[in-house]
C-alpha atoms as a PDB file:
ATOM      1  CA  MET A   1      -7.902 -34.311  29.320  1.00  0.00           C
ATOM      2  CA  ASN A   2      -7.416 -30.748  30.568  1.00  0.00           C
ATOM      3  CA  LYS A   3      -3.988 -29.260  30.152  1.00  0.00           C
ATOM      4  CA  GLY A   4      -1.925 -29.351  33.294  1.00  0.00           C
ATOM      5  CA  GLU A   5      -3.749 -32.348  34.772  1.00  0.00           C
ATOM      6  CA  SER A   6      -1.959 -35.575  35.400  1.00  0.00           C
ATOM      7  CA  SER A   7      -3.003 -38.559  33.357  1.00  0.00           C
ATOM      8  CA  ASP A   8      -5.255 -41.293  34.712  1.00  0.00           C
ATOM      9  CA  VAL A   9      -5.573 -43.046  31.369  1.00  0.00           C
ATOM     10  CA  LYS A  10      -5.080 -46.780  31.619  1.00  0.00           C
ATOM     11  CA  THR A  11      -2.371 -47.382  29.061  1.00  0.00           C
ATOM     12  CA  PRO A  12      -0.323 -50.567  29.003  1.00  0.00           C
ATOM     13  CA  ARG A  13       2.924 -50.169  30.827  1.00  0.00           C
ATOM     14  CA  ALA A  14       5.884 -50.049  28.487  1.00  0.00           C
ATOM     15  CA  THR A  15       9.148 -51.786  29.095  1.00  0.00           C
ATOM     16  CA  ARG A  16      12.533 -50.437  28.125  1.00  0.00           C
ATOM     17  CA  SER A  17      12.536 -52.785  25.141  1.00  0.00           C
ATOM     18  CA  THR A  18       9.002 -51.897  24.037  1.00  0.00           C
ATOM     19  CA  PRO A  19       8.021 -48.251  24.624  1.00  0.00           C
ATOM     20  CA  LEU A  20       4.539 -47.157  23.574  1.00  0.00           C
ATOM     21  CA  ILE A  21       5.743 -44.355  21.317  1.00  0.00           C
ATOM     22  CA  SER A  22       9.091 -43.225  19.900  1.00  0.00           C
ATOM     23  CA  VAL A  23       9.823 -39.504  19.539  1.00  0.00           C
ATOM     24  CA  VAL A  24      12.334 -38.751  16.784  1.00  0.00           C
ATOM     25  CA  ILE A  25      13.781 -35.232  16.998  1.00  0.00           C
ATOM     26  CA  CYS A  26      15.173 -34.214  13.616  1.00  0.00           C
ATOM     27  CA  ASN A  27      17.340 -31.269  12.666  1.00  0.00           C
ATOM     28  CA  PRO A  28      17.815 -30.230  16.300  1.00  0.00           C
ATOM     29  CA  ASP A  29      18.414 -26.584  17.036  1.00  0.00           C
ATOM     30  CA  THR A  30      21.498 -25.820  19.057  1.00  0.00           C
ATOM     31  CA  GLY A  31      21.531 -25.122  22.753  1.00  0.00           C
ATOM     32  CA  ASP A  32      18.508 -23.829  24.585  1.00  0.00           C
ATOM     33  CA  ALA A  33      15.784 -24.742  22.074  1.00  0.00           C
ATOM     34  CA  LEU A  34      16.577 -28.451  22.114  1.00  0.00           C
ATOM     35  CA  ARG A  35      16.941 -28.475  25.880  1.00  0.00           C
ATOM     36  CA  ARG A  36      13.502 -26.883  26.220  1.00  0.00           C
ATOM     37  CA  SER A  37      12.064 -29.524  23.904  1.00  0.00           C
ATOM     38  CA  LEU A  38      13.549 -32.255  26.070  1.00  0.00           C
ATOM     39  CA  ASP A  39      12.323 -30.571  29.256  1.00  0.00           C
ATOM     40  CA  ALA A  40       8.813 -30.632  27.787  1.00  0.00           C
ATOM     41  CA  LEU A  41       9.197 -34.337  27.077  1.00  0.00           C
ATOM     42  CA  ARG A  42      10.216 -34.976  30.674  1.00  0.00           C
ATOM     43  CA  ALA A  43       6.948 -33.323  31.763  1.00  0.00           C
ATOM     44  CA  GLN A  44       4.685 -35.441  29.549  1.00  0.00           C
ATOM     45  CA  SER A  45       1.593 -36.916  31.189  1.00  0.00           C
ATOM     46  CA  LEU A  46       2.276 -40.234  29.471  1.00  0.00           C
ATOM     47  CA  GLY A  47       5.263 -40.810  31.722  1.00  0.00           C
ATOM     48  CA  ALA A  48       8.910 -40.938  30.735  1.00  0.00           C
ATOM     49  CA  ASP A  49       9.009 -44.730  31.165  1.00  0.00           C
ATOM     50  CA  ARG A  50       6.422 -45.175  28.396  1.00  0.00           C
ATOM     51  CA  PHE A  51       8.260 -43.524  25.507  1.00  0.00           C
ATOM     52  CA  GLU A  52      11.743 -43.136  24.084  1.00  0.00           C
ATOM     53  CA  VAL A  53      13.506 -40.187  22.447  1.00  0.00           C
ATOM     54  CA  LEU A  54      15.926 -40.355  19.519  1.00  0.00           C
ATOM     55  CA  VAL A  55      17.840 -37.197  18.562  1.00  0.00           C
ATOM     56  CA  VAL A  56      19.104 -37.353  14.968  1.00  0.00           C
ATOM     57  CA  ASP A  57      22.094 -35.057  14.477  1.00  0.00           C
ATOM     58  CA  GLU A  58      25.265 -34.758  12.428  1.00  0.00           C
ATOM     59  CA  SER A  59      27.341 -34.596  15.609  1.00  0.00           C
ATOM     60  CA  SER A  60      28.951 -37.711  16.955  1.00  0.00           C
ATOM     61  CA  GLU A  61      26.852 -39.639  19.451  1.00  0.00           C
ATOM     62  CA  GLU A  62      29.356 -38.939  22.237  1.00  0.00           C
ATOM     63  CA  LYS A  63      29.390 -35.206  21.524  1.00  0.00           C
ATOM     64  CA  ALA A  64      25.607 -34.959  21.298  1.00  0.00           C
ATOM     65  CA  ARG A  65      25.003 -36.921  24.483  1.00  0.00           C
ATOM     66  CA  ALA A  66      27.602 -34.899  26.374  1.00  0.00           C
ATOM     67  CA  GLY A  67      25.693 -31.744  25.513  1.00  0.00           C
ATOM     68  CA  LEU A  68      22.377 -33.175  26.678  1.00  0.00           C
ATOM     69  CA  GLU A  69      23.361 -34.898  29.898  1.00  0.00           C
ATOM     70  CA  THR A  70      21.857 -32.211  32.109  1.00  0.00           C
ATOM     71  CA  VAL A  71      18.356 -32.592  30.654  1.00  0.00           C
ATOM     72  CA  SER A  72      18.235 -36.191  29.491  1.00  0.00           C
ATOM     73  CA  SER A  73      18.739 -38.081  32.745  1.00  0.00           C
ATOM     74  CA  ALA A  74      15.017 -38.797  33.185  1.00  0.00           C
ATOM     75  CA  LEU A  75      14.481 -39.825  29.558  1.00  0.00           C
ATOM     76  CA  ASP A  76      15.140 -42.989  27.615  1.00  0.00           C
ATOM     77  CA  LEU A  77      17.236 -41.030  25.120  1.00  0.00           C
ATOM     78  CA  ARG A  78      19.544 -42.050  22.320  1.00  0.00           C
ATOM     79  CA  CYS A  79      21.569 -39.816  20.015  1.00  0.00           C
ATOM     80  CA  VAL A  80      21.700 -40.977  16.410  1.00  0.00           C
ATOM     81  CA  GLN A  81      24.484 -39.691  14.196  1.00  0.00           C
ATOM     82  CA  ARG A  82      23.449 -38.631  10.713  1.00  0.00           C
ATOM     83  CA  THR A  83      26.208 -38.698   8.130  1.00  0.00           C
ATOM     84  CA  GLY A  84      26.496 -37.485   4.565  1.00  0.00           C
ATOM     85  CA  GLU A  85      25.064 -34.374   2.948  1.00  0.00           C
ATOM     86  CA  VAL A  86      22.378 -32.279   4.595  1.00  0.00           C
ATOM     87  CA  HIS A  87      19.487 -33.900   2.778  1.00  0.00           C
ATOM     88  CA  VAL A  88      20.512 -37.552   2.911  1.00  0.00           C
ATOM     89  CA  GLY A  89      18.410 -39.790   5.147  1.00  0.00           C
ATOM     90  CA  GLY A  90      17.239 -37.068   7.542  1.00  0.00           C
ATOM     91  CA  ARG A  91      14.439 -38.956   9.311  1.00  0.00           C
ATOM     92  CA  ASN A  92      15.108 -42.565   8.394  1.00  0.00           C
ATOM     93  CA  PRO A  93      17.931 -43.225  10.918  1.00  0.00           C
ATOM     94  CA  GLY A  94      15.567 -42.447  13.776  1.00  0.00           C
ATOM     95  CA  LEU A  95      12.752 -44.446  12.206  1.00  0.00           C
ATOM     96  CA  SER A  96      14.930 -47.508  11.693  1.00  0.00           C
ATOM     97  CA  LEU A  97      16.197 -47.496  15.294  1.00  0.00           C
ATOM     98  CA  ALA A  98      12.848 -46.710  16.942  1.00  0.00           C
ATOM     99  CA  ARG A  99      11.516 -49.513  19.141  1.00  0.00           C
ATOM    100  CA  ALA A 100       7.898 -48.416  19.585  1.00  0.00           C
ATOM    101  CA  PRO A 101       5.017 -49.287  17.231  1.00  0.00           C
ATOM    102  CA  ILE A 102       4.165 -45.560  16.931  1.00  0.00           C
ATOM    103  CA  VAL A 103       6.675 -42.924  15.814  1.00  0.00           C
ATOM    104  CA  LEU A 104       6.241 -39.154  16.178  1.00  0.00           C
ATOM    105  CA  PHE A 105       8.649 -36.845  14.328  1.00  0.00           C
ATOM    106  CA  VAL A 106       9.449 -33.588  16.120  1.00  0.00           C
ATOM    107  CA  GLU A 107      11.589 -30.621  15.072  1.00  0.00           C
ATOM    108  CA  GLY A 108      14.349 -29.415  17.371  1.00  0.00           C
ATOM    109  CA  ASP A 109      12.579 -26.152  18.234  1.00  0.00           C
ATOM    110  CA  GLU A 110       9.157 -27.696  18.821  1.00  0.00           C
ATOM    111  CA  ILE A 111       7.856 -27.867  22.397  1.00  0.00           C
ATOM    112  CA  LEU A 112       5.173 -30.459  23.123  1.00  0.00           C
ATOM    113  CA  ASP A 113       2.336 -29.596  25.472  1.00  0.00           C
ATOM    114  CA  GLN A 114       2.004 -31.812  28.515  1.00  0.00           C
ATOM    115  CA  GLY A 115      -0.615 -34.155  27.079  1.00  0.00           C
ATOM    116  CA  CYS A 116       0.672 -34.313  23.508  1.00  0.00           C
ATOM    117  CA  LEU A 117       2.231 -37.782  23.509  1.00  0.00           C
ATOM    118  CA  GLU A 118      -0.683 -39.289  25.390  1.00  0.00           C
ATOM    119  CA  GLU A 119      -3.144 -37.830  22.888  1.00  0.00           C
ATOM    120  CA  HIS A 120      -1.150 -39.229  19.974  1.00  0.00           C
ATOM    121  CA  TYR A 121      -1.107 -42.636  21.634  1.00  0.00           C
ATOM    122  CA  LEU A 122      -4.829 -42.603  22.408  1.00  0.00           C
ATOM    123  CA  ALA A 123      -5.702 -41.439  18.900  1.00  0.00           C
ATOM    124  CA  HIS A 124      -3.799 -44.395  17.470  1.00  0.00           C
ATOM    125  CA  GLU A 125      -5.620 -46.691  19.888  1.00  0.00           C
ATOM    126  CA  ARG A 126      -8.938 -45.351  18.578  1.00  0.00           C
ATOM    127  CA  HIS A 127      -7.760 -45.562  14.958  1.00  0.00           C
ATOM    128  CA  SER A 128      -5.680 -48.704  14.959  1.00  0.00           C
ATOM    129  CA  GLU A 129      -5.702 -49.335  11.207  1.00  0.00           C
ATOM    130  CA  PRO A 130      -2.083 -49.349  10.002  1.00  0.00           C
ATOM    131  CA  HIS A 131      -2.655 -46.772   7.236  1.00  0.00           C
ATOM    132  CA  LEU A 132      -4.025 -44.093   9.600  1.00  0.00           C
ATOM    133  CA  ALA A 133      -1.623 -41.420  10.888  1.00  0.00           C
ATOM    134  CA  VAL A 134      -2.382 -38.747  13.514  1.00  0.00           C
ATOM    135  CA  LEU A 135      -1.652 -35.060  12.985  1.00  0.00           C
ATOM    136  CA  GLY A 136      -1.680 -32.672  15.932  1.00  0.00           C
ATOM    137  CA  TYR A 137      -1.794 -28.900  16.021  1.00  0.00           C
ATOM    138  CA  THR A 138       1.270 -26.702  16.406  1.00  0.00           C
ATOM    139  CA  GLY A 139       0.596 -23.248  17.809  1.00  0.00           C
ATOM    140  CA  LEU A 140       2.765 -20.243  18.540  1.00  0.00           C
ATOM    141  CA  ARG A 141       4.258 -18.870  21.740  1.00  0.00           C
ATOM    142  CA  GLU A 142       6.746 -16.211  22.826  1.00  0.00           C
ATOM    143  CA  GLU A 143       8.694 -14.700  19.903  1.00  0.00           C
ATOM    144  CA  ALA A 144       6.756 -16.628  17.264  1.00  0.00           C
ATOM    145  CA  GLU A 145       3.401 -15.590  18.708  1.00  0.00           C
ATOM    146  CA  HIS A 146       4.227 -11.915  18.103  1.00  0.00           C
ATOM    147  CA  SER A 147       5.362 -12.398  14.505  1.00  0.00           C
ATOM    148  CA  PRO A 148       2.771 -11.355  11.878  1.00  0.00           C
ATOM    149  CA  LEU A 149       4.335 -13.775   9.397  1.00  0.00           C
ATOM    150  CA  MET A 150       4.171 -16.723  11.792  1.00  0.00           C
ATOM    151  CA  ARG A 151       0.555 -15.871  12.599  1.00  0.00           C
ATOM    152  CA  TYR A 152      -0.203 -15.831   8.876  1.00  0.00           C
ATOM    153  CA  LEU A 153       1.370 -19.257   8.426  1.00  0.00           C
ATOM    154  CA  ALA A 154      -0.582 -20.640  11.369  1.00  0.00           C
ATOM    155  CA  ASP A 155      -3.888 -19.066  10.268  1.00  0.00           C
ATOM    156  CA  THR A 156      -3.708 -20.310   6.694  1.00  0.00           C
ATOM    157  CA  ARG A 157      -2.408 -23.803   7.438  1.00  0.00           C
ATOM    158  CA  TRP A 158      -4.525 -25.295  10.219  1.00  0.00           C
ATOM    159  CA  ARG A 159      -7.866 -26.817   9.342  1.00  0.00           C
ATOM    160  CA  ASN A 160      -9.960 -28.132  12.209  1.00  0.00           C
ATOM    161  CA  VAL A 161     -11.246 -31.343  10.680  1.00  0.00           C
ATOM    162  CA  CYS A 162     -11.954 -34.653  12.307  1.00  0.00           C
ATOM    163  CA  CYS A 163     -12.061 -36.967   9.299  1.00  0.00           C
ATOM    164  CA  ALA A 164      -9.379 -38.952   7.546  1.00  0.00           C
ATOM    165  CA  GLU A 165      -7.762 -37.221   4.588  1.00  0.00           C
ATOM    166  CA  PRO A 166      -4.658 -37.705   2.456  1.00  0.00           C
ATOM    167  CA  LEU A 167      -1.305 -36.244   3.461  1.00  0.00           C
ATOM    168  CA  GLY A 168      -1.466 -34.033   0.394  1.00  0.00           C
ATOM    169  CA  PRO A 169      -0.161 -30.685  -0.846  1.00  0.00           C
ATOM    170  CA  ASP A 170      -1.554 -27.611   0.860  1.00  0.00           C
ATOM    171  CA  ALA A 171      -4.168 -25.392  -0.722  1.00  0.00           C
ATOM    172  CA  VAL A 172      -1.812 -22.470  -0.135  1.00  0.00           C
ATOM    173  CA  ASP A 173       1.945 -22.216  -0.608  1.00  0.00           C
ATOM    174  CA  ASP A 174       2.718 -22.648   3.059  1.00  0.00           C
ATOM    175  CA  PRO A 175       6.168 -24.041   3.861  1.00  0.00           C
ATOM    176  CA  GLY A 176       4.767 -26.017   6.747  1.00  0.00           C
ATOM    177  CA  PHE A 177       6.448 -24.290   9.696  1.00  0.00           C
ATOM    178  CA  CYS A 178       3.186 -24.321  11.670  1.00  0.00           C
ATOM    179  CA  ALA A 179       2.040 -27.834  10.891  1.00  0.00           C
ATOM    180  CA  ARG A 180       4.357 -30.708  11.594  1.00  0.00           C
ATOM    181  CA  LEU A 181       4.481 -34.354  10.613  1.00  0.00           C
ATOM    182  CA  PRO A 182       1.886 -36.819  11.817  1.00  0.00           C
ATOM    183  CA  SER A 183       2.705 -39.737  14.058  1.00  0.00           C
ATOM    184  CA  PHE A 184       2.777 -42.967  12.082  1.00  0.00           C
ATOM    185  CA  LYS A 185       2.569 -46.662  12.663  1.00  0.00           C
ATOM    186  CA  ARG A 186       6.224 -47.553  12.308  1.00  0.00           C
ATOM    187  CA  ARG A 187       5.646 -50.834  10.498  1.00  0.00           C
ATOM    188  CA  TYR A 188       3.491 -49.140   7.862  1.00  0.00           C
ATOM    189  CA  LEU A 189       6.225 -46.626   7.052  1.00  0.00           C
ATOM    190  CA  LEU A 190       8.915 -49.284   6.852  1.00  0.00           C
ATOM    191  CA  GLU A 191       6.801 -51.554   4.665  1.00  0.00           C
ATOM    192  CA  HIS A 192       6.161 -48.750   2.169  1.00  0.00           C
ATOM    193  CA  GLY A 193       9.637 -47.301   1.808  1.00  0.00           C
ATOM    194  CA  ALA A 194       9.742 -44.682   4.586  1.00  0.00           C
ATOM    195  CA  PHE A 195      11.129 -41.258   3.602  1.00  0.00           C
ATOM    196  CA  ASN A 196      12.897 -40.791   0.298  1.00  0.00           C
ATOM    197  CA  PRO A 197      16.471 -39.836   1.309  1.00  0.00           C
ATOM    198  CA  LEU A 198      16.936 -37.748  -1.850  1.00  0.00           C
ATOM    199  CA  PHE A 199      14.585 -35.104  -0.457  1.00  0.00           C
ATOM    200  CA  PRO A 200      15.714 -32.687   2.285  1.00  0.00           C
ATOM    201  CA  LEU A 201      13.854 -32.255   5.552  1.00  0.00           C
ATOM    202  CA  GLY A 202      10.669 -30.331   4.927  1.00  0.00           C
ATOM    203  CA  ALA A 203      10.439 -31.426   1.301  1.00  0.00           C
ATOM    204  CA  ASP A 204      10.500 -35.151   2.043  1.00  0.00           C
ATOM    205  CA  VAL A 205       6.940 -34.995   3.346  1.00  0.00           C
ATOM    206  CA  ARG A 206       5.546 -34.066  -0.062  1.00  0.00           C
ATOM    207  CA  GLU A 207       6.992 -37.081  -1.836  1.00  0.00           C
ATOM    208  CA  LEU A 208       5.952 -39.280   1.076  1.00  0.00           C
ATOM    209  CA  GLY A 209       2.410 -37.903   0.908  1.00  0.00           C
ATOM    210  CA  PHE A 210       2.077 -38.684  -2.779  1.00  0.00           C
ATOM    211  CA  ARG A 211       3.701 -42.111  -2.678  1.00  0.00           C
ATOM    212  CA  LEU A 212       1.985 -43.388   0.457  1.00  0.00           C
ATOM    213  CA  GLY A 213      -1.294 -41.737  -0.461  1.00  0.00           C
ATOM    214  CA  ARG A 214      -1.523 -44.243  -3.284  1.00  0.00           C
ATOM    215  CA  THR A 215      -1.151 -47.066  -0.756  1.00  0.00           C
ATOM    216  CA  GLY A 216      -4.014 -45.717   1.355  1.00  0.00           C
ATOM    217  CA  LEU A 217      -2.270 -43.457   3.906  1.00  0.00           C
ATOM    218  CA  ARG A 218      -4.779 -41.161   5.582  1.00  0.00           C
ATOM    219  CA  VAL A 219      -4.396 -38.543   8.313  1.00  0.00           C
ATOM    220  CA  ILE A 220      -6.589 -38.121  11.384  1.00  0.00           C
ATOM    221  CA  HIS A 221      -6.456 -34.642  12.950  1.00  0.00           C
ATOM    222  CA  SER A 222      -6.340 -34.349  16.730  1.00  0.00           C
ATOM    223  CA  THR A 223      -6.944 -30.934  18.270  1.00  0.00           C
ATOM    224  CA  GLU A 224      -5.684 -32.227  21.628  1.00  0.00           C
ATOM    225  CA  ALA A 225      -2.245 -33.339  20.436  1.00  0.00           C
ATOM    226  CA  THR A 226      -0.757 -29.868  20.677  1.00  0.00           C
ATOM    227  CA  SER A 227       2.705 -28.353  20.566  1.00  0.00           C
ATOM    228  CA  VAL A 228       4.151 -24.875  20.126  1.00  0.00           C
ATOM    229  CA  LEU A 229       6.899 -23.106  18.240  1.00  0.00           C
ATOM    230  CA  THR A 230       8.765 -20.312  19.973  1.00  0.00           C
ATOM    231  CA  ARG A 231      11.270 -19.245  17.313  1.00  0.00           C
ATOM    232  CA  SER A 232      10.106 -16.859  14.623  1.00  0.00           C
ATOM    233  CA  ARG A 233      11.105 -17.172  10.967  1.00  0.00           C
ATOM    234  CA  GLY A 234      11.949 -14.261   8.704  1.00  0.00           C
ATOM    235  CA  LEU A 235      10.292 -13.651   5.361  1.00  0.00           C
ATOM    236  CA  ASP A 236      13.429 -14.470   3.361  1.00  0.00           C
ATOM    237  CA  GLU A 237      13.850 -17.765   5.221  1.00  0.00           C
ATOM    238  CA  VAL A 238      10.250 -18.731   4.513  1.00  0.00           C
ATOM    239  CA  CYS A 239      10.476 -17.723   0.843  1.00  0.00           C
ATOM    240  CA  ASN A 240      13.721 -19.660   0.431  1.00  0.00           C
ATOM    241  CA  HIS A 241      11.999 -22.714   1.838  1.00  0.00           C
ATOM    242  CA  CYS A 242       9.053 -22.236  -0.529  1.00  0.00           C
ATOM    243  CA  SER A 243      11.525 -22.224  -3.417  1.00  0.00           C
ATOM    244  CA  LEU A 244      12.982 -25.459  -2.074  1.00  0.00           C
ATOM    245  CA  LEU A 245       9.500 -26.976  -1.997  1.00  0.00           C
ATOM    246  CA  GLY A 246       8.953 -25.885  -5.589  1.00  0.00           C
ATOM    247  CA  LYS A 247      12.120 -27.732  -6.554  1.00  0.00           C
ATOM    248  CA  ALA A 248      10.891 -30.739  -4.603  1.00  0.00           C
ATOM    249  CA  ASP A 249       7.581 -30.708  -6.467  1.00  0.00           C
ATOM    250  CA  TRP A 250       9.365 -30.704  -9.832  1.00  0.00           C
ATOM    251  CA  PHE A 251      11.758 -33.436  -8.734  1.00  0.00           C
ATOM    252  CA  LEU A 252       8.768 -35.481  -7.564  1.00  0.00           C
ATOM    253  CA  THR A 253       7.249 -35.358 -11.050  1.00  0.00           C
ATOM    254  CA  GLN A 254      10.526 -36.588 -12.530  1.00  0.00           C
ATOM    255  CA  MET A 255      10.565 -39.563 -10.178  1.00  0.00           C
ATOM    256  CA  HIS A 256       6.853 -40.231 -10.720  1.00  0.00           C
ATOM    257  CA  PRO A 257       6.177 -39.199 -14.339  1.00  0.00           C
ATOM    258  CA  GLU A 258       2.476 -40.085 -14.371  1.00  0.00           C
ATOM    259  CA  GLN A 259      -0.079 -37.281 -14.694  1.00  0.00           C
ATOM    260  CA  GLU A 260      -1.370 -38.024 -11.218  1.00  0.00           C
ATOM    261  CA  ALA A 261       1.913 -36.756  -9.768  1.00  0.00           C
ATOM    262  CA  ARG A 262       1.818 -33.560 -11.839  1.00  0.00           C
ATOM    263  CA  SER A 263      -1.706 -32.824 -10.645  1.00  0.00           C
ATOM    264  CA  TRP A 264      -0.791 -33.622  -7.051  1.00  0.00           C
ATOM    265  CA  ALA A 265       2.251 -31.311  -7.197  1.00  0.00           C
ATOM    266  CA  ARG A 266       0.350 -28.577  -9.086  1.00  0.00           C
ATOM    267  CA  ILE A 267       3.029 -28.373 -11.761  1.00  0.00           C
ATOM    268  CA  ASP A 268       0.871 -27.971 -14.863  1.00  0.00           C
ATOM    269  CA  GLY A 269       0.831 -24.396 -16.127  1.00  0.00           C
ATOM    270  CA  VAL A 270       3.606 -23.211 -13.832  1.00  0.00           C
ATOM    271  CA  ASP A 271       5.821 -22.116 -16.742  1.00  0.00           C
ATOM    272  CA  SER A 272       3.149 -19.779 -18.096  1.00  0.00           C
ATOM    273  CA  GLU A 273       2.463 -18.592 -14.554  1.00  0.00           C
ATOM    274  CA  TRP A 274       6.147 -17.675 -14.211  1.00  0.00           C
ATOM    275  CA  GLU A 275       5.947 -15.648 -17.431  1.00  0.00           C
ATOM    276  CA  ALA A 276       3.348 -13.489 -15.693  1.00  0.00           C
ATOM    277  CA  ILE A 277       5.219 -13.371 -12.378  1.00  0.00           C
ATOM    278  CA  ALA A 278       8.772 -12.786 -13.637  1.00  0.00           C
ATOM    279  CA  PRO A 279       8.404  -9.093 -14.631  1.00  0.00           C
ATOM    280  CA  LEU A 280       6.764  -8.397 -11.258  1.00  0.00           C
ATOM    281  CA  PHE A 281       8.909 -10.617  -9.062  1.00  0.00           C
ATOM    282  CA  ARG A 282      11.115  -7.898  -7.575  1.00  0.00           C
ATOM    283  CA  ASN A 283       8.122  -5.690  -6.858  1.00  0.00           C
ATOM    284  CA  ILE A 284       6.240  -8.599  -5.283  1.00  0.00           C
ATOM    285  CA  MET A 285       9.142  -9.278  -2.934  1.00  0.00           C
ATOM    286  CA  LYS A 286       9.769  -5.599  -2.254  1.00  0.00           C
ATOM    287  CA  SER A 287       6.129  -4.994  -1.344  1.00  0.00           C
ATOM    288  CA  ALA A 288       5.989  -8.048   0.914  1.00  0.00           C
ATOM    289  CA  ARG A 289       9.189  -7.047   2.727  1.00  0.00           C
ATOM    290  CA  ALA A 290       8.001  -3.474   3.226  1.00  0.00           C
ATOM    291  CA  LEU A 291       4.642  -4.550   4.647  1.00  0.00           C
ATOM    292  CA  ASP A 292       6.355  -7.198   6.764  1.00  0.00           C
ATOM    293  CA  ARG A 293       8.719  -4.602   8.274  1.00  0.00           C
ATOM    294  CA  PHE A 294       5.819  -2.239   8.929  1.00  0.00           C
ATOM    295  CA  ALA A 295       3.794  -4.965  10.629  1.00  0.00           C
ATOM    296  CA  HIS A 296       6.707  -6.080  12.796  1.00  0.00           C
ATOM    297  CA  GLU A 297       7.430  -2.503  13.874  1.00  0.00           C
ATOM    298  CA  ARG A 298       3.825  -2.028  14.964  1.00  0.00           C
ATOM    299  CA  CYS A 299       3.858  -5.305  16.847  1.00  0.00           C
ATOM    300  CA  ARG A 300       7.101  -4.389  18.619  1.00  0.00           C
ATOM    301  CA  ALA A 301       5.468  -1.118  19.654  1.00  0.00           C
ATOM    302  CA  GLY A 302       2.472  -2.990  21.031  1.00  0.00           C
ATOM    303  CA  LEU A 303       0.137  -1.659  18.337  1.00  0.00           C
ATOM    304  CA  ALA A 304      -2.477  -3.879  16.727  1.00  0.00           C
ATOM    305  CA  LEU A 305      -2.981  -4.214  12.981  1.00  0.00           C
ATOM    306  CA  ASP A 306      -6.388  -3.171  11.696  1.00  0.00           C
ATOM    307  CA  ASP A 307      -8.392  -5.476   9.434  1.00  0.00           C
ATOM    308  CA  LEU A 308      -7.467  -3.689   6.209  1.00  0.00           C
ATOM    309  CA  THR A 309      -3.744  -3.752   6.975  1.00  0.00           C
ATOM    310  CA  THR A 310      -3.951  -7.418   7.925  1.00  0.00           C
ATOM    311  CA  ARG A 311      -5.694  -8.295   4.658  1.00  0.00           C
ATOM    312  CA  LEU A 312      -3.117  -6.380   2.620  1.00  0.00           C
ATOM    313  CA  LEU A 313      -0.280  -7.978   4.573  1.00  0.00           C
ATOM    314  CA  TYR A 314      -1.649 -11.493   4.144  1.00  0.00           C
ATOM    315  CA  ARG A 315      -2.194 -10.866   0.429  1.00  0.00           C
ATOM    316  CA  ALA A 316       1.434  -9.744   0.118  1.00  0.00           C
ATOM    317  CA  TYR A 317       2.657 -12.803   2.025  1.00  0.00           C
ATOM    318  CA  ALA A 318       0.597 -15.107  -0.202  1.00  0.00           C
ATOM    319  CA  ALA A 319       1.960 -13.490  -3.369  1.00  0.00           C
ATOM    320  CA  ALA A 320       5.576 -13.693  -2.166  1.00  0.00           C
ATOM    321  CA  LEU A 321       5.308 -17.322  -1.095  1.00  0.00           C
ATOM    322  CA  ARG A 322       3.577 -18.307  -4.327  1.00  0.00           C
ATOM    323  CA  ALA A 323       6.128 -16.469  -6.464  1.00  0.00           C
ATOM    324  CA  SER A 324       8.967 -18.116  -4.548  1.00  0.00           C
ATOM    325  CA  ARG A 325       7.549 -21.593  -5.051  1.00  0.00           C
ATOM    326  CA  VAL A 326       7.019 -20.980  -8.773  1.00  0.00           C
ATOM    327  CA  LEU A 327      10.593 -19.695  -9.005  1.00  0.00           C
ATOM    328  CA  GLY A 328      11.824 -22.924  -7.454  1.00  0.00           C
ATOM    329  CA  VAL A 329       9.855 -25.023  -9.939  1.00  0.00           C
ATOM    330  CA  VAL A 330      11.068 -23.019 -12.937  1.00  0.00           C
ATOM    331  CA  GLU A 331      14.682 -23.088 -11.772  1.00  0.00           C
ATOM    332  CA  ALA A 332      14.508 -26.871 -11.422  1.00  0.00           C
ATOM    333  CA  MET A 333      12.825 -27.207 -14.835  1.00  0.00           C
ATOM    334  CA  SER A 334      15.569 -25.178 -16.502  1.00  0.00           C
ATOM    335  CA  LYS A 335      18.312 -27.597 -15.432  1.00  0.00           C
ATOM    336  CA  PRO A 336      17.160 -31.090 -16.429  1.00  0.00           C
ATOM    337  CA  GLY A 337      19.142 -33.933 -14.978  1.00  0.00           C
ATOM    338  CA  PHE A 338      20.708 -32.013 -12.097  1.00  0.00           C
ATOM    339  CA  ASP A 339      20.167 -32.610  -8.411  1.00  0.00           C
ATOM    340  CA  PRO A 340      17.616 -29.882  -7.586  1.00  0.00           C
ATOM    341  CA  PHE A 341      18.775 -29.733  -3.986  1.00  0.00           C
ATOM    342  CA  HIS A 342      22.507 -29.438  -4.634  1.00  0.00           C
ATOM    343  CA  SER A 343      22.500 -25.649  -4.410  1.00  0.00           C
ATOM    344  CA  ILE A 344      20.225 -25.206  -1.391  1.00  0.00           C
ATOM    345  CA  PRO A 345      19.589 -22.952   0.384  1.00  0.00           C
ATOM    346  CA  LEU A 346      18.419 -20.788  -2.489  1.00  0.00           C
ATOM    347  CA  ARG A 347      18.700 -17.062  -1.996  1.00  0.00           C
ATOM    348  CA  VAL A 348      15.520 -15.394  -3.187  1.00  0.00           C
ATOM    349  CA  GLU A 349      16.577 -11.978  -4.358  1.00  0.00           C
ATOM    350  CA  GLY A 350      14.201  -9.127  -4.924  1.00  0.00           C
END
């Protein structure tokens, strides 16, 4: 289906009690970003009567709905209150209340392209086995499109493959800002424990990938199920998140002590790796920040980066993200028995 065209796909008509797909918006951004996400959902080719939207927030349901009345009138929308600490049960409230057989998790600043929901639905129709999930592609637009760091994250994360593969750890230390969660068969997630509520949003996917990978979960990539991010992230924010993921990887190995988990989380040898990184850590971060500032200044001036500068910049980003993840692992290892997420967000100094 070409973008911008209306859908003529013959999908079964949903009823209010049985939508075709449930969209769970987690960790919603305040104000304009969430409203733009909901506007994009209103424009979906699938039709607003064929899906539902659940917004999971810490605000009360009345307060959240009052703030969304102007954009939610055409949507089957519910606001789900999340209680407790930041990392407790982030996605599960939406999953448990979803009424559709397919559930897509969306971040609050993610804007779905017009055909995104329809493509997710059709992909699940083609791959109806319960253990198959569908992962779309998240691109960049507006502020994020002009960020060298966001372009690096997008370039190194997306792999254009059309075969089933595990929801496993990335080959690079990417915090996942440019690749979001797949859509799942709801029953499969519920039958296999859903998301572990001890892990915060962003880190919960890694434990889920390991645990459900052993039950047969596989991911189908769809290049047509597209969305975009518009908000840029700073280098410190990304590095802090990489440290969080390092803590999550260590915590995962404590919950699943078998060697398979250590290999999956790439924990083995990290202590000796930190011995090599530690004396250079400040310089690694300083170099990455300096190159990042230089690249952003050129982009703001409308000047392109040459190939050599881009390679040096990407090498600096990779080193900073890797060092930050290793720092997170080592910090978690040094405090056995503590909740590795109690002190988040971690400030990565350098």
